[in-house]
Amino acid sequence: MDKATRNFLIVSVLLGVTTGYMQLLPQGQDVALRQDILTLDTQIGDWQGKPHIPFSPEVMEQLRVDDYINRTYYNSKGDTVLLYVGYFQNQRQGQLIHSPQHCLPGGGWNITKREIAAIPIPDGKGTVLRVNRFTLQKGDEKMLAYYWYEGRGRVLTSEYVQKVYLVLDAVRYNRTDEALVRLLTPIRNDQVREADQRLKEFTQALVPILRDRYFPPPPNI
């Protein structure tokens, strides 16, 4: 059994166990965003956003997400960053975040490299954000992806750890609210470093906005 198959089986088992256990617990809180994510600035740093692109009913049936934004940002050089933020108010009734690690290959993209990147966030607190950084390829096209899970005052990159904390926080705090944040940008002429710099700069501008204005505060511990 290769590593990819083994990881898929582990995640499938975890999803099944998590879903079953969560349904045994009380309903739990629906924790809304502080404001509608569709009000997110169309100007973020040096990037200008295009209109939000809604998903089809078929995609929404699969995602079962409560709030989301799917928007492309571009700069004066013509570079683009595709932003997706999917937010779940409550993951108790089978509404679980879908990992890009499985969704992207389902769209025909092969993951050719997986890393964890550390992004310093200019918030005056010395915050360093750890994100998944994937290199993707479909035919002659290449993309770079960042993504992470954020909710209840916690940022995670591992979907295994994310499932564990989901159950723990459901028991301890009666909360399962969480967001998936994903960024994509094309890699042109094998210029991975340039693509990485684009996503890094966009992330540094985006994260303080999401935390200050949109994501709910952490539980009272």
C-alpha atoms as a PDB file:
ATOM      1  CA  MET A   1       0.000   0.000   0.000  1.00  0.00           C
ATOM      2  CA  ASP A   2       1.497   3.345  -1.028  1.00  0.00           C
ATOM      3  CA  LYS A   3       1.610   6.387   1.262  1.00  0.00           C
ATOM      4  CA  ALA A   4      -1.177   8.274  -0.547  1.00  0.00           C
ATOM      5  CA  THR A   5      -3.561   5.312  -0.279  1.00  0.00           C
ATOM      6  CA  ARG A   6      -2.695   4.780   3.379  1.00  0.00           C
ATOM      7  CA  ASN A   7      -3.308   8.454   4.189  1.00  0.00           C
ATOM      8  CA  PHE A   8      -6.620   8.377   2.330  1.00  0.00           C
ATOM      9  CA  LEU A   9      -7.761   5.347   4.328  1.00  0.00           C
ATOM     10  CA  ILE A  10      -6.713   6.959   7.615  1.00  0.00           C
ATOM     11  CA  VAL A  11      -8.623  10.140   6.783  1.00  0.00           C
ATOM     12  CA  SER A  12     -11.672   8.145   5.690  1.00  0.00           C
ATOM     13  CA  VAL A  13     -11.715   6.264   8.998  1.00  0.00           C
ATOM     14  CA  LEU A  14     -11.226   9.493  10.964  1.00  0.00           C
ATOM     15  CA  LEU A  15     -14.061  11.156   9.067  1.00  0.00           C
ATOM     16  CA  GLY A  16     -16.360   8.251   9.782  1.00  0.00           C
ATOM     17  CA  VAL A  17     -15.474   8.120  13.468  1.00  0.00           C
ATOM     18  CA  THR A  18     -15.689  11.908  13.848  1.00  0.00           C
ATOM     19  CA  THR A  19     -19.046  12.110  12.069  1.00  0.00           C
ATOM     20  CA  GLY A  20     -20.504   9.285  14.133  1.00  0.00           C
ATOM     21  CA  TYR A  21     -19.247  10.656  17.441  1.00  0.00           C
ATOM     22  CA  MET A  22     -20.367  14.203  16.699  1.00  0.00           C
ATOM     23  CA  GLN A  23     -23.904  13.042  16.020  1.00  0.00           C
ATOM     24  CA  LEU A  24     -24.035  11.429  19.466  1.00  0.00           C
ATOM     25  CA  LEU A  25     -23.337  14.774  21.135  1.00  0.00           C
ATOM     26  CA  PRO A  26     -25.945  17.497  21.793  1.00  0.00           C
ATOM     27  CA  GLN A  27     -26.729  19.869  18.937  1.00  0.00           C
ATOM     28  CA  GLY A  28     -24.206  22.503  20.022  1.00  0.00           C
ATOM     29  CA  GLN A  29     -23.925  26.179  19.190  1.00  0.00           C
ATOM     30  CA  ASP A  30     -24.291  27.743  15.766  1.00  0.00           C
ATOM     31  CA  VAL A  31     -21.533  30.356  15.912  1.00  0.00           C
ATOM     32  CA  ALA A  32     -21.951  32.948  13.157  1.00  0.00           C
ATOM     33  CA  LEU A  33     -19.255  35.100  11.623  1.00  0.00           C
ATOM     34  CA  ARG A  34     -19.047  38.619  13.019  1.00  0.00           C
ATOM     35  CA  GLN A  35     -20.215  39.894   9.637  1.00  0.00           C
ATOM     36  CA  ASP A  36     -21.061  38.507   6.210  1.00  0.00           C
ATOM     37  CA  ILE A  37     -17.892  37.208   4.538  1.00  0.00           C
ATOM     38  CA  LEU A  38     -19.147  38.623   1.223  1.00  0.00           C
ATOM     39  CA  THR A  39     -18.411  42.095   2.613  1.00  0.00           C
ATOM     40  CA  LEU A  40     -14.691  41.260   2.541  1.00  0.00           C
ATOM     41  CA  ASP A  41     -12.708  44.123   1.035  1.00  0.00           C
ATOM     42  CA  THR A  42     -12.303  44.074  -2.719  1.00  0.00           C
ATOM     43  CA  GLN A  43      -9.025  45.918  -2.150  1.00  0.00           C
ATOM     44  CA  ILE A  44      -6.551  43.885  -0.065  1.00  0.00           C
ATOM     45  CA  GLY A  45      -3.047  45.280  -0.047  1.00  0.00           C
ATOM     46  CA  ASP A  46      -2.062  45.770  -3.679  1.00  0.00           C
ATOM     47  CA  TRP A  47      -4.747  43.365  -4.874  1.00  0.00           C
ATOM     48  CA  GLN A  48      -8.098  44.250  -6.433  1.00  0.00           C
ATOM     49  CA  GLY A  49     -10.920  41.726  -6.190  1.00  0.00           C
ATOM     50  CA  LYS A  50     -13.384  40.685  -8.853  1.00  0.00           C
ATOM     51  CA  PRO A  51     -17.008  39.827  -8.001  1.00  0.00           C
ATOM     52  CA  HIS A  52     -17.686  36.742  -5.888  1.00  0.00           C
ATOM     53  CA  ILE A  53     -18.293  33.620  -8.003  1.00  0.00           C
ATOM     54  CA  PRO A  54     -21.103  31.483  -6.520  1.00  0.00           C
ATOM     55  CA  PHE A  55     -20.800  27.709  -6.673  1.00  0.00           C
ATOM     56  CA  SER A  56     -23.401  25.584  -8.418  1.00  0.00           C
ATOM     57  CA  PRO A  57     -26.146  23.907  -6.344  1.00  0.00           C
ATOM     58  CA  GLU A  58     -24.419  20.569  -6.985  1.00  0.00           C
ATOM     59  CA  VAL A  59     -21.142  21.821  -5.488  1.00  0.00           C
ATOM     60  CA  MET A  60     -22.958  23.404  -2.546  1.00  0.00           C
ATOM     61  CA  GLU A  61     -24.696  20.105  -1.841  1.00  0.00           C
ATOM     62  CA  GLN A  62     -21.268  18.502  -1.490  1.00  0.00           C
ATOM     63  CA  LEU A  63     -19.666  21.308   0.532  1.00  0.00           C
ATOM     64  CA  ARG A  64     -22.597  21.964   2.909  1.00  0.00           C
ATOM     65  CA  VAL A  65     -20.830  25.142   3.962  1.00  0.00           C
ATOM     66  CA  ASP A  66     -22.712  27.878   5.859  1.00  0.00           C
ATOM     67  CA  ASP A  67     -20.843  30.938   4.563  1.00  0.00           C
ATOM     68  CA  TYR A  68     -18.230  31.275   1.863  1.00  0.00           C
ATOM     69  CA  ILE A  69     -16.480  33.585  -0.536  1.00  0.00           C
ATOM     70  CA  ASN A  70     -14.925  32.539  -3.839  1.00  0.00           C
ATOM     71  CA  ARG A  71     -13.167  35.522  -5.357  1.00  0.00           C
ATOM     72  CA  THR A  72     -10.227  36.214  -7.671  1.00  0.00           C
ATOM     73  CA  TYR A  73      -7.862  39.071  -6.838  1.00  0.00           C
ATOM     74  CA  TYR A  74      -5.409  40.567  -9.308  1.00  0.00           C
ATOM     75  CA  ASN A  75      -2.609  43.129  -9.168  1.00  0.00           C
ATOM     76  CA  SER A  76      -1.289  45.713 -11.614  1.00  0.00           C
ATOM     77  CA  LYS A  77       1.090  43.124 -13.130  1.00  0.00           C
ATOM     78  CA  GLY A  78      -1.800  40.876 -14.084  1.00  0.00           C
ATOM     79  CA  ASP A  79      -0.979  38.264 -11.433  1.00  0.00           C
ATOM     80  CA  THR A  80      -3.954  36.524  -9.835  1.00  0.00           C
ATOM     81  CA  VAL A  81      -4.786  34.931  -6.495  1.00  0.00           C
ATOM     82  CA  LEU A  82      -7.959  32.881  -6.094  1.00  0.00           C
ATOM     83  CA  LEU A  83      -9.310  33.141  -2.549  1.00  0.00           C
ATOM     84  CA  TYR A  84     -11.762  30.701  -1.007  1.00  0.00           C
ATOM     85  CA  VAL A  85     -12.928  30.987   2.593  1.00  0.00           C
ATOM     86  CA  GLY A  86     -15.483  28.391   3.648  1.00  0.00           C
ATOM     87  CA  TYR A  87     -16.986  28.794   7.115  1.00  0.00           C
ATOM     88  CA  PHE A  88     -18.979  26.270   9.131  1.00  0.00           C
ATOM     89  CA  GLN A  89     -21.040  27.556  12.053  1.00  0.00           C
ATOM     90  CA  ASN A  90     -21.502  24.047  13.423  1.00  0.00           C
ATOM     91  CA  GLN A  91     -19.990  20.722  12.317  1.00  0.00           C
ATOM     92  CA  ARG A  92     -22.203  18.511  14.489  1.00  0.00           C
ATOM     93  CA  GLN A  93     -24.589  17.100  11.870  1.00  0.00           C
ATOM     94  CA  GLY A  94     -22.219  15.789   9.216  1.00  0.00           C
ATOM     95  CA  GLN A  95     -21.221  19.219   7.912  1.00  0.00           C
ATOM     96  CA  LEU A  96     -17.478  18.626   7.956  1.00  0.00           C
ATOM     97  CA  ILE A  97     -14.780  20.611   6.185  1.00  0.00           C
ATOM     98  CA  HIS A  98     -13.552  18.968   2.976  1.00  0.00           C
ATOM     99  CA  SER A  99      -9.765  18.879   2.805  1.00  0.00           C
ATOM    100  CA  PRO A 100      -8.169  20.399  -0.336  1.00  0.00           C
ATOM    101  CA  GLN A 101      -5.762  17.483  -0.148  1.00  0.00           C
ATOM    102  CA  HIS A 102      -8.591  15.337  -1.510  1.00  0.00           C
ATOM    103  CA  CYS A 103     -10.756  17.894  -3.348  1.00  0.00           C
ATOM    104  CA  LEU A 104      -7.988  19.256  -5.585  1.00  0.00           C
ATOM    105  CA  PRO A 105      -6.995  15.842  -6.994  1.00  0.00           C
ATOM    106  CA  GLY A 106     -10.699  15.258  -7.579  1.00  0.00           C
ATOM    107  CA  GLY A 107     -10.584  18.282  -9.898  1.00  0.00           C
ATOM    108  CA  GLY A 108      -7.762  16.748 -11.925  1.00  0.00           C
ATOM    109  CA  TRP A 109      -4.841  18.433 -10.130  1.00  0.00           C
ATOM    110  CA  ASN A 110      -1.908  16.283  -9.049  1.00  0.00           C
ATOM    111  CA  ILE A 111      -0.094  17.294  -5.873  1.00  0.00           C
ATOM    112  CA  THR A 112       3.589  17.199  -6.806  1.00  0.00           C
ATOM    113  CA  LYS A 113       5.010  18.671  -3.594  1.00  0.00           C
ATOM    114  CA  ARG A 114       3.713  19.095  -0.035  1.00  0.00           C
ATOM    115  CA  GLU A 115       5.301  21.374   2.548  1.00  0.00           C
ATOM    116  CA  ILE A 116       4.492  23.409   5.638  1.00  0.00           C
ATOM    117  CA  ALA A 117       5.341  27.113   5.305  1.00  0.00           C
ATOM    118  CA  ALA A 118       5.729  29.630   8.137  1.00  0.00           C
ATOM    119  CA  ILE A 119       4.322  33.069   7.281  1.00  0.00           C
ATOM    120  CA  PRO A 120       5.050  36.005   9.629  1.00  0.00           C
ATOM    121  CA  ILE A 121       1.890  38.087  10.117  1.00  0.00           C
ATOM    122  CA  PRO A 122       2.416  41.850  10.601  1.00  0.00           C
ATOM    123  CA  ASP A 123      -0.018  42.231  13.504  1.00  0.00           C
ATOM    124  CA  GLY A 124       2.404  43.640  16.067  1.00  0.00           C
ATOM    125  CA  LYS A 125       2.224  40.404  18.093  1.00  0.00           C
ATOM    126  CA  GLY A 126       4.989  38.399  16.439  1.00  0.00           C
ATOM    127  CA  THR A 127       2.429  35.969  15.006  1.00  0.00           C
ATOM    128  CA  VAL A 128       3.694  33.271  12.652  1.00  0.00           C
ATOM    129  CA  LEU A 129       1.050  31.438  10.617  1.00  0.00           C
ATOM    130  CA  ARG A 130       1.779  27.852   9.579  1.00  0.00           C
ATOM    131  CA  VAL A 131       0.107  26.872   6.308  1.00  0.00           C
ATOM    132  CA  ASN A 132       0.040  23.902   3.975  1.00  0.00           C
ATOM    133  CA  ARG A 133       1.915  24.762   0.779  1.00  0.00           C
ATOM    134  CA  PHE A 134       1.182  22.473  -2.162  1.00  0.00           C
ATOM    135  CA  THR A 135       2.573  22.527  -5.694  1.00  0.00           C
ATOM    136  CA  LEU A 136      -0.076  21.336  -8.164  1.00  0.00           C
ATOM    137  CA  GLN A 137      -0.027  20.289 -11.804  1.00  0.00           C
ATOM    138  CA  LYS A 138      -2.690  19.428 -14.376  1.00  0.00           C
ATOM    139  CA  GLY A 139      -1.264  18.830 -17.836  1.00  0.00           C
ATOM    140  CA  ASP A 140       0.924  21.827 -18.624  1.00  0.00           C
ATOM    141  CA  GLU A 141      -0.701  24.015 -15.964  1.00  0.00           C
ATOM    142  CA  LYS A 142       0.920  24.508 -12.567  1.00  0.00           C
ATOM    143  CA  MET A 143      -0.381  26.207  -9.431  1.00  0.00           C
ATOM    144  CA  LEU A 144       0.758  26.922  -5.906  1.00  0.00           C
ATOM    145  CA  ALA A 145      -1.706  26.506  -3.044  1.00  0.00           C
ATOM    146  CA  TYR A 146      -1.769  27.658   0.571  1.00  0.00           C
ATOM    147  CA  TYR A 147      -4.431  26.442   2.961  1.00  0.00           C
ATOM    148  CA  TRP A 148      -5.130  26.108   6.657  1.00  0.00           C
ATOM    149  CA  TYR A 149      -7.948  25.454   9.122  1.00  0.00           C
ATOM    150  CA  GLU A 150      -8.872  28.216  11.568  1.00  0.00           C
ATOM    151  CA  GLY A 151     -11.491  28.223  14.279  1.00  0.00           C
ATOM    152  CA  ARG A 152     -12.092  28.582  17.996  1.00  0.00           C
ATOM    153  CA  GLY A 153      -8.839  30.529  18.344  1.00  0.00           C
ATOM    154  CA  ARG A 154      -6.732  27.762  16.804  1.00  0.00           C
ATOM    155  CA  VAL A 155      -4.879  27.404  13.477  1.00  0.00           C
ATOM    156  CA  LEU A 156      -4.103  23.914  12.166  1.00  0.00           C
ATOM    157  CA  THR A 157      -2.522  22.396   9.066  1.00  0.00           C
ATOM    158  CA  SER A 158      -3.112  18.695   9.760  1.00  0.00           C
ATOM    159  CA  GLU A 159      -6.545  17.313   8.985  1.00  0.00           C
ATOM    160  CA  TYR A 160      -5.891  14.513  11.479  1.00  0.00           C
ATOM    161  CA  VAL A 161      -5.223  16.949  14.328  1.00  0.00           C
ATOM    162  CA  GLN A 162      -8.136  19.083  13.133  1.00  0.00           C
ATOM    163  CA  LYS A 163     -10.537  16.158  13.588  1.00  0.00           C
ATOM    164  CA  VAL A 164      -9.195  15.426  17.084  1.00  0.00           C
ATOM    165  CA  TYR A 165      -9.648  19.027  18.231  1.00  0.00           C
ATOM    166  CA  LEU A 166     -13.081  19.120  16.630  1.00  0.00           C
ATOM    167  CA  VAL A 167     -14.294  16.409  19.001  1.00  0.00           C
ATOM    168  CA  LEU A 168     -12.415  17.798  22.018  1.00  0.00           C
ATOM    169  CA  ASP A 169     -13.780  21.316  21.539  1.00  0.00           C
ATOM    170  CA  ALA A 170     -17.298  19.991  20.993  1.00  0.00           C
ATOM    171  CA  VAL A 171     -17.098  18.368  24.428  1.00  0.00           C
ATOM    172  CA  ARG A 172     -15.210  21.138  26.247  1.00  0.00           C
ATOM    173  CA  TYR A 173     -16.727  24.274  24.731  1.00  0.00           C
ATOM    174  CA  ASN A 174     -19.840  23.088  22.868  1.00  0.00           C
ATOM    175  CA  ARG A 175     -18.365  24.682  19.740  1.00  0.00           C
ATOM    176  CA  THR A 176     -17.312  23.282  16.367  1.00  0.00           C
ATOM    177  CA  ASP A 177     -17.212  26.476  14.274  1.00  0.00           C
ATOM    178  CA  GLU A 178     -14.291  26.575  11.852  1.00  0.00           C
ATOM    179  CA  ALA A 179     -13.079  27.974   8.540  1.00  0.00           C
ATOM    180  CA  LEU A 180     -10.996  26.613   5.714  1.00  0.00           C
ATOM    181  CA  VAL A 181      -8.896  29.311   4.047  1.00  0.00           C
ATOM    182  CA  ARG A 182      -7.376  28.426   0.667  1.00  0.00           C
ATOM    183  CA  LEU A 183      -5.324  30.501  -1.767  1.00  0.00           C
ATOM    184  CA  LEU A 184      -4.306  29.516  -5.303  1.00  0.00           C
ATOM    185  CA  THR A 185      -2.022  31.256  -7.789  1.00  0.00           C
ATOM    186  CA  PRO A 186      -0.644  30.131 -11.173  1.00  0.00           C
ATOM    187  CA  ILE A 187       3.013  29.169 -11.531  1.00  0.00           C
ATOM    188  CA  ARG A 188       4.229  30.633 -14.809  1.00  0.00           C
ATOM    189  CA  ASN A 189       7.457  29.510 -16.479  1.00  0.00           C
ATOM    190  CA  ASP A 190       8.322  27.400 -13.416  1.00  0.00           C
ATOM    191  CA  GLN A 191       8.714  30.563 -11.314  1.00  0.00           C
ATOM    192  CA  VAL A 192       7.727  28.963  -8.021  1.00  0.00           C
ATOM    193  CA  ARG A 193       9.533  31.552  -5.908  1.00  0.00           C
ATOM    194  CA  GLU A 194       7.547  34.391  -7.471  1.00  0.00           C
ATOM    195  CA  ALA A 195       4.265  32.518  -6.964  1.00  0.00           C
ATOM    196  CA  ASP A 196       5.201  31.832  -3.349  1.00  0.00           C
ATOM    197  CA  GLN A 197       5.954  35.507  -2.744  1.00  0.00           C
ATOM    198  CA  ARG A 198       2.533  36.463  -4.144  1.00  0.00           C
ATOM    199  CA  LEU A 199       0.706  34.131  -1.793  1.00  0.00           C
ATOM    200  CA  LYS A 200       2.855  35.161   1.153  1.00  0.00           C
ATOM    201  CA  GLU A 201       2.140  38.872   0.643  1.00  0.00           C
ATOM    202  CA  PHE A 202      -1.569  38.252   0.099  1.00  0.00           C
ATOM    203  CA  THR A 203      -1.768  36.089   3.222  1.00  0.00           C
ATOM    204  CA  GLN A 204      -0.030  38.755   5.300  1.00  0.00           C
ATOM    205  CA  ALA A 205      -2.593  41.338   4.184  1.00  0.00           C
ATOM    206  CA  LEU A 206      -5.607  39.016   4.486  1.00  0.00           C
ATOM    207  CA  VAL A 207      -5.182  37.345   7.872  1.00  0.00           C
ATOM    208  CA  PRO A 208      -5.458  40.449  10.100  1.00  0.00           C
ATOM    209  CA  ILE A 209      -8.678  41.408   8.290  1.00  0.00           C
ATOM    210  CA  LEU A 210     -10.249  37.977   8.783  1.00  0.00           C
ATOM    211  CA  ARG A 211      -9.320  37.853  12.459  1.00  0.00           C
ATOM    212  CA  ASP A 212     -10.260  41.421  13.335  1.00  0.00           C
ATOM    213  CA  ARG A 213     -13.567  41.603  11.474  1.00  0.00           C
ATOM    214  CA  TYR A 214     -14.910  38.164  10.574  1.00  0.00           C
ATOM    215  CA  PHE A 215     -13.800  35.161  12.613  1.00  0.00           C
ATOM    216  CA  PRO A 216     -15.538  34.738  16.001  1.00  0.00           C
ATOM    217  CA  PRO A 217     -13.479  35.112  19.176  1.00  0.00           C
ATOM    218  CA  PRO A 218     -12.129  31.940  20.813  1.00  0.00           C
ATOM    219  CA  PRO A 219     -14.022  30.215  23.627  1.00  0.00           C
ATOM    220  CA  ASN A 220     -13.674  31.551  27.149  1.00  0.00           C
ATOM    221  CA  ILE A 221     -11.144  29.185  28.670  1.00  0.00           C
END
